Amino acid sequence: MKTLTEIIVPQLAESLVNATIDKWLKQPGDWVDVYEPICEILTDKVNAELPSTVSGKLVKILVGSGETVPVGTPVCLIETEAAEGSAQPDGQPAPSEPAAAAVAAIAVDEDAPMRNRFSPAVQQLAAEHGVRLSDVTGTGLGGRITRKDVLAYVASGANKTSASQAAPAASASIDPKAQVRSSGIHLSETPRIPKIEIESSAPGRGETFIDVTPIRNTIARNMRQSVSEIPHAWTMIEVDVTNLVVLRNKLKDEFMKREGINLTYLAFLLKAVVNAIKDYPIMNSTWAVDKIIVKRDINISLAVGTEDSVLTPVIKNADHKNVAGLAKEIDELARKTREGKLTLSDMQGGTFTVNNTGSFGSILSYPIINYPQAAILTFESIVKRPVVINDMIAVRSMANLCLSLDHRILDGVICGRFLQRVKDNLESFTLDSKLY
């Protein structure tokens, strides 16, 4: 006996209320295995593949590509045997449980069409240089072709012999929203849309249109909400980090051998910030109209920039971690961001944001508060310069700390004291300081 099973949009997070069907990976008449992706969906924070909770034949698509529907909406019908509708193989949860879709493990399909193996950035680069991606050997994870692979191929001159054939092939394969299938639901690489030249009256000039992705749209909405609702104020303090520089240089090689990751200045800064928040907990709060909600947990949001967006993964309970633990968390979240494997859980729960703008060479910045938090702090570039100490000039390693604050909650006095405490904490690191 056959029955029809509805596949619904799952509740991927508490804050998720709807999702957009990006494209269908299966069509009516196709056979679908349990946990096999049937379509790609877009949400405010992540792009995901929606896996089937049953095995059977896809008989009808209920929601078309580009349509946005609420969580819980059926998107398609799959014809199954009656027994499959009531129980899953090997004790798996029934298809009526939305969690089944969220935890399905999707493996890379080596026989899938080549477009599923290429990131949008790689596709655009290949199109610009007339490279046929099927001729390029990938050195990335699972044989994935990276930008470096394409550039190396171009540098070798191999593409020149087949340029006339490679260019149209590469252009035809461009899919702005293509992503590599990976385990579970994860953040995909932000789509890089190919440039579209528009004719104009001025010779040699044109315009470029770039589709706004859900992630970019969310950033725009949050930034607009932050600057329109939060009365921003700004303050800055300079810190002498000479002793910290010496300490890091002393420990970084041993730390690399022991942990296999870099020991960055950011780990020390986070420890200094967390300890200062303990002394001034009002910094760890949000505005609630008639109340100020002071958060008990100290969850530090890290502003991590990619080529196309800024993401803010969260270090949960940062006050429970030492410098080494913070360094590991920073490396892990940065790696997951680069690989496009951040989950919704990684992005939620932040109470205070830190941005390492110094990594870009910045010496002064005015950051926008990560709504609805009360403040955001930037760690600027470390610069050697002459400083007067006890009426003598010395060359010291100096850095600026910039703080944007919600003036409904925080005032200059409390923020000045907070920044001074962060400064004292950073300057208190000595050669005897411990990482663990």
Protein backbone atom coordinates (compact mmCIF):
# COMPACT_ATOMS: atom_id res chain seq x y z
CA MET A 1 0.00 0.00 0.00
CA LYS A 2 1.33 3.41 -0.97
CA THR A 3 0.83 6.68 0.86
CA LEU A 4 1.77 10.33 0.36
CA THR A 5 4.15 11.96 2.83
CA GLU A 6 4.51 15.73 3.17
CA ILE A 7 8.02 17.21 3.51
CA ILE A 8 7.81 20.45 5.50
CA VAL A 9 10.08 23.43 6.19
CA PRO A 10 11.73 22.50 9.51
CA GLN A 11 12.17 24.73 12.57
CA LEU A 12 15.93 25.18 12.29
CA ALA A 13 16.06 27.78 15.08
CA GLU A 14 13.71 29.45 17.54
CA SER A 15 13.95 32.76 15.71
CA LEU A 16 13.28 31.27 12.26
CA VAL A 17 9.77 32.01 11.03
CA ASN A 18 10.07 31.45 7.29
CA ALA A 19 12.40 30.27 4.54
CA THR A 20 12.75 30.72 0.80
CA ILE A 21 12.96 27.82 -1.63
CA ASP A 22 16.06 28.58 -3.67
CA LYS A 23 16.03 25.72 -6.17
CA TRP A 24 14.82 22.15 -6.45
CA LEU A 25 17.43 19.40 -6.63
CA LYS A 26 14.78 16.78 -7.44
CA GLN A 27 11.85 16.91 -9.86
CA PRO A 28 8.50 15.06 -9.95
CA GLY A 29 9.09 11.44 -10.88
CA ASP A 30 12.56 11.29 -9.34
CA TRP A 31 13.36 8.69 -6.69
CA VAL A 32 14.47 10.13 -3.36
CA ASP A 33 16.39 8.28 -0.65
CA VAL A 34 15.94 9.05 3.02
CA TYR A 35 18.07 12.06 4.03
CA GLU A 36 18.85 12.86 0.40
CA PRO A 37 18.63 16.62 -0.31
CA ILE A 38 15.57 17.53 -2.33
CA CYS A 39 15.90 21.32 -2.45
CA GLU A 40 17.98 24.24 -1.26
CA ILE A 41 16.43 26.74 1.16
CA LEU A 42 17.54 30.22 2.17
CA THR A 43 17.05 31.73 5.62
CA ASP A 44 18.18 34.94 7.28
CA LYS A 45 21.38 33.41 8.61
CA VAL A 46 22.20 30.27 6.67
CA ASN A 47 21.69 28.55 3.35
CA ALA A 48 20.71 24.93 3.79
CA GLU A 49 19.82 21.77 1.92
CA LEU A 50 16.47 20.30 2.93
CA PRO A 51 16.76 16.50 3.14
CA SER A 52 13.92 14.07 2.70
CA THR A 53 12.72 12.27 5.82
CA VAL A 54 11.53 9.25 3.80
CA SER A 55 12.44 7.14 0.79
CA GLY A 56 10.11 7.23 -2.17
CA LYS A 57 9.13 8.95 -5.41
CA LEU A 58 8.66 12.71 -5.56
CA VAL A 59 5.21 13.14 -7.05
CA LYS A 60 4.40 16.83 -6.57
CA ILE A 61 6.18 20.10 -5.77
CA LEU A 62 3.97 22.38 -3.69
CA VAL A 63 6.24 25.44 -3.39
CA GLY A 64 8.09 26.84 -6.37
CA SER A 65 11.61 28.23 -6.54
CA GLY A 66 11.83 31.76 -5.18
CA GLU A 67 8.75 31.44 -2.97
CA THR A 68 8.98 32.28 0.75
CA VAL A 69 6.83 30.23 3.11
CA PRO A 70 6.40 29.92 6.90
CA VAL A 71 8.05 27.20 8.94
CA GLY A 72 5.97 24.04 8.90
CA THR A 73 4.65 24.57 5.36
CA PRO A 74 4.61 21.42 3.18
CA VAL A 75 6.89 21.92 0.18
CA CYS A 76 6.38 18.64 -1.68
CA LEU A 77 4.72 15.22 -1.62
CA ILE A 78 6.64 11.94 -1.70
CA GLU A 79 4.96 8.64 -2.44
CA THR A 80 6.11 5.94 -0.02
CA GLU A 81 5.14 2.55 1.24
CA ALA A 82 2.80 2.79 4.23
CA ALA A 83 5.33 1.17 6.57
CA GLU A 84 7.89 3.89 5.84
CA GLY A 85 5.50 6.62 6.84
CA SER A 86 5.19 5.37 10.40
CA ALA A 87 8.72 4.27 11.22
CA GLN A 88 12.21 4.96 9.94
CA PRO A 89 15.02 2.46 9.36
CA ASP A 90 17.40 1.72 12.23
CA GLY A 91 15.31 3.49 14.82
CA GLN A 92 15.40 6.91 13.12
CA PRO A 93 12.70 9.43 14.16
CA ALA A 94 9.40 9.57 12.28
CA PRO A 95 9.13 12.00 9.37
CA SER A 96 6.68 14.16 11.31
CA GLU A 97 9.55 15.31 13.52
CA PRO A 98 11.13 18.43 11.99
CA ALA A 99 14.39 17.68 13.77
CA ALA A 100 15.02 14.81 11.39
CA ALA A 101 15.61 17.22 8.55
CA ALA A 102 17.94 19.39 10.58
CA VAL A 103 20.28 16.61 11.61
CA ALA A 104 20.45 14.65 8.37
CA ALA A 105 24.01 13.98 7.24
CA ILE A 106 24.54 14.80 3.59
CA ALA A 107 27.74 13.39 2.07
CA VAL A 108 29.56 14.79 -0.95
CA ASP A 109 28.35 13.07 -4.10
CA GLU A 110 31.42 12.53 -6.29
CA ASP A 111 29.21 11.75 -9.30
CA ALA A 112 27.06 14.88 -8.92
CA PRO A 113 27.10 17.53 -11.65
CA MET A 114 30.28 19.58 -11.61
CA ARG A 115 28.46 22.75 -10.60
CA ASN A 116 27.97 21.29 -7.10
CA ARG A 117 31.76 21.07 -6.70
CA PHE A 118 32.54 24.72 -7.44
CA SER A 119 32.13 27.78 -5.23
CA PRO A 120 30.71 30.92 -6.86
CA ALA A 121 34.09 32.68 -6.46
CA VAL A 122 35.83 29.85 -8.34
CA GLN A 123 33.22 29.90 -11.09
CA GLN A 124 33.57 33.64 -11.61
CA LEU A 125 37.37 33.42 -11.67
CA ALA A 126 37.21 30.60 -14.21
CA ALA A 127 34.86 32.63 -16.41
CA GLU A 128 37.12 35.68 -16.26
CA HIS A 129 40.17 33.68 -17.39
CA GLY A 130 38.41 31.34 -19.80
CA VAL A 131 39.25 28.23 -17.79
CA ARG A 132 37.36 24.96 -18.19
CA LEU A 133 37.06 23.75 -14.61
CA SER A 134 36.96 20.11 -15.64
CA ASP A 135 40.62 20.52 -16.69
CA VAL A 136 41.72 21.83 -13.27
CA THR A 137 42.98 19.53 -10.52
CA GLY A 138 41.52 20.42 -7.12
CA THR A 139 43.68 20.49 -3.98
CA GLY A 140 40.95 21.46 -1.53
CA LEU A 141 38.96 19.29 0.85
CA GLY A 142 37.61 16.24 -0.96
CA GLY A 143 39.28 17.32 -4.19
CA ARG A 144 37.42 20.62 -4.30
CA ILE A 145 38.80 23.21 -6.71
CA THR A 146 39.88 26.42 -4.98
CA ARG A 147 40.73 29.90 -6.26
CA LYS A 148 44.42 29.06 -5.85
CA ASP A 149 43.98 26.02 -8.10
CA VAL A 150 42.44 28.17 -10.83
CA LEU A 151 45.12 30.85 -10.52
CA ALA A 152 47.87 28.22 -10.64
CA TYR A 153 46.28 26.72 -13.75
CA VAL A 154 46.15 30.15 -15.40
CA ALA A 155 49.76 30.88 -14.42
CA SER A 156 50.87 27.62 -16.04
CA GLY A 157 49.47 28.80 -19.38
CA ALA A 158 47.55 25.55 -19.89
CA ASN A 159 44.32 27.41 -20.46
CA LYS A 160 45.64 29.31 -23.48
CA THR A 161 45.49 26.27 -25.77
CA SER A 162 41.78 25.75 -25.13
CA ALA A 163 40.65 29.28 -24.33
CA SER A 164 38.08 29.39 -27.10
CA GLN A 165 36.34 26.32 -25.71
CA ALA A 166 36.90 26.90 -22.01
CA ALA A 167 35.34 30.33 -21.78
CA PRO A 168 31.82 29.41 -22.90
CA ALA A 169 31.93 26.19 -20.91
CA ALA A 170 32.89 28.00 -17.75
CA SER A 171 30.30 30.71 -18.30
CA ALA A 172 27.56 28.17 -18.86
CA SER A 173 28.39 26.39 -15.62
CA ILE A 174 28.12 29.45 -13.41
CA ASP A 175 25.49 29.04 -10.73
CA PRO A 176 25.56 32.03 -8.36
CA LYS A 177 24.06 30.07 -5.52
CA ALA A 178 25.88 26.78 -5.95
CA GLN A 179 27.41 25.25 -2.83
CA VAL A 180 29.26 22.10 -1.83
CA ARG A 181 27.12 19.57 0.00
CA SER A 182 28.44 18.95 3.46
CA SER A 183 27.33 17.23 6.64
CA GLY A 184 24.26 18.73 8.24
CA ILE A 185 22.83 22.21 7.72
CA HIS A 186 25.55 24.82 7.49
CA LEU A 187 26.38 28.27 6.35
CA SER A 188 27.30 28.22 2.70
CA GLU A 189 29.72 30.56 1.02
CA THR A 190 27.98 33.83 0.31
CA PRO A 191 27.07 33.83 -3.39
CA ARG A 192 29.30 35.96 -5.63
CA ILE A 193 27.15 37.08 -8.52
CA PRO A 194 28.74 37.40 -11.96
CA LYS A 195 28.96 40.95 -13.29
CA ILE A 196 26.27 41.94 -15.78
CA GLU A 197 27.23 44.84 -18.01
CA ILE A 198 24.31 47.12 -18.96
CA GLU A 199 24.48 49.29 -22.06
CA SER A 200 24.38 53.04 -21.48
CA SER A 201 24.61 56.19 -23.55
CA ALA A 202 28.22 56.79 -22.56
CA PRO A 203 30.59 54.62 -24.63
CA GLY A 204 32.62 52.12 -22.66
CA ARG A 205 30.61 52.50 -19.49
CA GLY A 206 28.08 50.21 -17.84
CA GLU A 207 26.49 49.14 -14.60
CA THR A 208 26.79 46.05 -12.43
CA PHE A 209 23.80 44.46 -10.75
CA ILE A 210 24.37 42.16 -7.78
CA ASP A 211 21.47 40.24 -6.27
CA VAL A 212 21.07 40.85 -2.54
CA THR A 213 21.49 37.52 -0.76
CA PRO A 214 19.48 36.66 2.37
CA ILE A 215 22.61 37.02 4.50
CA ARG A 216 23.41 40.46 3.06
CA ASN A 217 19.78 41.47 3.47
CA THR A 218 19.92 40.44 7.13
CA ILE A 219 23.09 42.47 7.66
CA ALA A 220 21.43 45.49 6.06
CA ARG A 221 18.31 45.13 8.18
CA ASN A 222 20.25 44.68 11.44
CA MET A 223 22.60 47.59 10.73
CA ARG A 224 19.69 49.87 9.85
CA GLN A 225 17.83 48.80 12.99
CA SER A 226 20.94 49.37 15.11
CA VAL A 227 21.67 52.91 13.92
CA SER A 228 17.99 53.96 13.88
CA GLU A 229 17.02 52.57 17.30
CA ILE A 230 20.26 52.81 19.28
CA PRO A 231 21.68 56.25 20.14
CA HIS A 232 25.34 55.50 19.44
CA ALA A 233 28.17 57.17 21.33
CA TRP A 234 31.87 56.50 20.86
CA THR A 235 35.03 56.57 22.95
CA MET A 236 38.62 55.41 22.58
CA ILE A 237 41.62 54.61 24.76
CA GLU A 238 45.20 53.73 23.86
CA VAL A 239 47.02 50.80 25.42
CA ASP A 240 50.70 50.00 25.83
CA VAL A 241 50.93 46.35 24.77
CA THR A 242 54.72 46.10 24.70
CA ASN A 243 54.84 43.45 27.43
CA LEU A 244 52.04 41.52 25.71
CA VAL A 245 53.98 41.48 22.43
CA VAL A 246 57.03 40.10 24.22
CA LEU A 247 54.92 37.48 26.01
CA ARG A 248 53.23 36.28 22.83
CA ASN A 249 56.54 36.08 20.96
CA LYS A 250 57.89 33.97 23.79
CA LEU A 251 54.96 31.51 23.86
CA LYS A 252 53.66 31.31 20.28
CA ASP A 253 56.06 28.65 18.96
CA GLU A 254 55.53 26.34 21.93
CA PHE A 255 51.78 26.88 21.69
CA MET A 256 51.82 26.00 18.00
CA LYS A 257 53.69 22.77 18.72
CA ARG A 258 51.34 21.83 21.55
CA GLU A 259 47.97 22.90 20.10
CA GLY A 260 48.62 23.14 16.37
CA ILE A 261 47.10 26.62 16.10
CA ASN A 262 48.32 30.21 16.18
CA LEU A 263 48.38 32.14 19.43
CA THR A 264 46.87 35.49 18.47
CA TYR A 265 46.66 38.78 20.34
CA LEU A 266 42.89 38.49 20.13
CA ALA A 267 42.87 35.68 22.71
CA PHE A 268 44.58 37.95 25.26
CA LEU A 269 42.21 40.80 24.43
CA LEU A 270 39.15 38.61 24.96
CA LYS A 271 40.46 37.55 28.36
CA ALA A 272 40.99 41.20 29.29
CA VAL A 273 37.50 42.15 28.05
CA VAL A 274 35.77 39.26 29.82
CA ASN A 275 37.45 40.09 33.14
CA ALA A 276 36.43 43.74 32.72
CA ILE A 277 32.82 42.74 32.03
CA LYS A 278 32.84 40.79 35.30
CA ASP A 279 33.68 44.05 37.07
CA TYR A 280 31.17 46.08 35.03
CA PRO A 281 28.29 43.69 34.20
CA ILE A 282 26.10 46.51 32.86
CA MET A 283 28.25 46.31 29.70
CA ASN A 284 26.71 42.88 29.14
CA SER A 285 23.11 44.02 28.78
CA THR A 286 20.26 44.93 26.41
CA TRP A 287 17.57 47.61 26.32
CA ALA A 288 13.99 46.41 26.89
CA VAL A 289 12.03 49.73 26.89
CA ASP A 290 11.04 49.75 30.56
CA LYS A 291 13.88 47.53 31.74
CA ILE A 292 17.59 46.97 31.23
CA ILE A 293 18.31 43.25 30.99
CA VAL A 294 21.74 42.35 32.34
CA LYS A 295 22.88 39.01 30.94
CA ARG A 296 24.37 36.53 33.39
CA ASP A 297 26.28 34.57 30.76
CA ILE A 298 29.17 36.31 29.03
CA ASN A 299 28.97 35.20 25.40
CA ILE A 300 31.42 37.05 23.17
CA SER A 301 30.42 37.63 19.54
CA LEU A 302 33.41 37.75 17.19
CA ALA A 303 33.03 39.89 14.09
CA VAL A 304 34.56 37.74 11.35
CA GLY A 305 34.80 39.23 7.88
CA THR A 306 34.55 37.21 4.67
CA GLU A 307 34.92 38.53 1.14
CA ASP A 308 31.21 39.30 0.91
CA SER A 309 29.85 39.68 4.44
CA VAL A 310 30.53 40.00 8.15
CA LEU A 311 29.45 37.16 10.44
CA THR A 312 29.38 37.12 14.24
CA PRO A 313 29.92 33.60 15.62
CA VAL A 314 29.74 33.37 19.40
CA ILE A 315 32.11 32.07 22.08
CA LYS A 316 29.70 30.78 24.73
CA ASN A 317 30.57 31.26 28.43
CA ALA A 318 33.81 33.03 27.58
CA ASP A 319 34.37 33.84 31.27
CA HIS A 320 34.91 30.14 31.96
CA LYS A 321 37.86 29.90 29.58
CA ASN A 322 41.54 30.74 29.98
CA VAL A 323 43.68 32.35 27.26
CA ALA A 324 44.49 29.00 25.67
CA GLY A 325 40.82 28.01 25.64
CA LEU A 326 39.85 31.31 24.04
CA ALA A 327 42.57 30.88 21.41
CA LYS A 328 41.15 27.46 20.50
CA GLU A 329 37.61 28.84 20.25
CA ILE A 330 38.78 31.72 18.05
CA ASP A 331 40.62 29.34 15.71
CA GLU A 332 37.67 26.94 15.53
CA LEU A 333 35.09 29.63 14.75
CA ALA A 334 37.37 31.31 12.22
CA ARG A 335 37.94 27.97 10.49
CA LYS A 336 34.23 27.17 10.39
CA THR A 337 33.53 30.63 8.99
CA ARG A 338 36.10 30.23 6.21
CA GLU A 339 34.81 26.75 5.34
CA GLY A 340 31.17 27.82 5.45
CA LYS A 341 30.27 25.40 8.25
CA LEU A 342 28.83 27.73 10.87
CA THR A 343 25.53 26.53 12.31
CA LEU A 344 22.66 28.60 13.67
CA SER A 345 23.80 27.64 17.17
CA ASP A 346 27.23 29.14 16.47
CA MET A 347 25.59 32.47 15.61
CA GLN A 348 23.17 32.84 18.51
CA GLY A 349 23.35 34.06 22.10
CA GLY A 350 26.00 36.79 21.85
CA THR A 351 25.97 39.43 24.60
CA PHE A 352 29.01 41.62 23.74
CA THR A 353 30.89 41.96 20.45
CA VAL A 354 34.62 42.27 19.78
CA ASN A 355 36.08 43.05 16.36
CA ASN A 356 39.79 42.65 15.56
CA THR A 357 39.95 45.50 13.05
CA GLY A 358 43.71 45.73 13.58
CA SER A 359 44.13 42.65 11.40
CA PHE A 360 43.27 44.89 8.42
CA GLY A 361 45.76 47.57 9.47
CA SER A 362 43.12 49.88 10.94
CA ILE A 363 44.26 52.21 13.74
CA LEU A 364 40.88 53.85 14.46
CA SER A 365 37.29 52.82 13.77
CA TYR A 366 33.71 53.65 14.73
CA PRO A 367 31.86 50.30 14.80
CA ILE A 368 28.09 49.85 14.65
CA ILE A 369 26.63 48.04 17.65
CA ASN A 370 25.56 44.43 17.06
CA TYR A 371 21.84 44.85 17.80
CA PRO A 372 20.42 44.38 20.45
CA GLN A 373 23.65 44.37 22.46
CA ALA A 374 24.78 47.42 24.44
CA ALA A 375 28.32 47.83 23.12
CA ILE A 376 30.96 46.72 20.64
CA LEU A 377 34.74 47.02 21.04
CA THR A 378 37.38 47.06 18.32
CA PHE A 379 41.04 46.13 18.77
CA GLU A 380 43.11 48.24 16.40
CA SER A 381 46.50 47.60 14.85
CA ILE A 382 49.58 47.41 17.11
CA VAL A 383 51.99 50.16 16.07
CA LYS A 384 55.45 50.97 17.41
CA ARG A 385 55.87 54.66 18.17
CA PRO A 386 57.69 57.01 20.55
CA VAL A 387 55.99 57.46 23.92
CA VAL A 388 56.92 59.70 26.84
CA ILE A 389 57.51 57.65 30.01
CA ASN A 390 58.77 59.42 33.15
CA ASP A 391 59.83 62.41 31.06
CA MET A 392 61.84 60.15 28.76
CA ILE A 393 61.08 59.03 25.21
CA ALA A 394 60.80 55.30 24.60
CA VAL A 395 59.68 53.23 21.63
CA ARG A 396 56.63 51.19 22.68
CA SER A 397 54.06 48.94 21.01
CA MET A 398 50.77 50.83 21.20
CA ALA A 399 47.21 49.97 20.20
CA ASN A 400 43.85 51.74 20.31
CA LEU A 401 40.66 50.26 21.77
CA CYS A 402 37.50 51.81 20.32
CA LEU A 403 34.10 51.38 21.97
CA SER A 404 30.66 52.17 20.54
CA LEU A 405 27.97 52.21 23.23
CA ASP A 406 24.20 52.37 23.58
CA HIS A 407 23.69 55.72 25.32
CA ARG A 408 20.30 54.60 26.63
CA ILE A 409 22.06 52.07 28.83
CA LEU A 410 25.63 53.26 29.17
CA ASP A 411 27.23 56.61 29.91
CA GLY A 412 30.72 58.03 29.56
CA VAL A 413 31.69 57.39 33.16
CA ILE A 414 30.94 53.67 33.22
CA CYS A 415 32.41 53.11 29.74
CA GLY A 416 35.52 55.09 30.62
CA ARG A 417 36.04 52.92 33.68
CA PHE A 418 35.37 49.78 31.65
CA LEU A 419 37.93 50.72 28.99
CA GLN A 420 40.45 51.63 31.68
CA ARG A 421 39.95 48.19 33.23
CA VAL A 422 40.48 46.50 29.86
CA LYS A 423 43.63 48.60 29.42
CA ASP A 424 44.90 47.63 32.89
CA ASN A 425 44.19 43.97 32.20
CA LEU A 426 46.11 44.05 28.91
CA GLU A 427 49.04 45.93 30.39
CA SER A 428 49.20 43.51 33.34
CA PHE A 429 50.35 40.63 31.15
CA THR A 430 53.99 39.85 31.93
CA LEU A 431 56.54 37.19 30.98
CA ASP A 432 55.29 35.15 33.93
CA SER A 433 51.65 35.12 32.74
CA LYS A 434 50.14 31.70 32.05
CA LEU A 435 47.98 30.55 29.17
CA TYR A 436 46.33 27.64 30.96
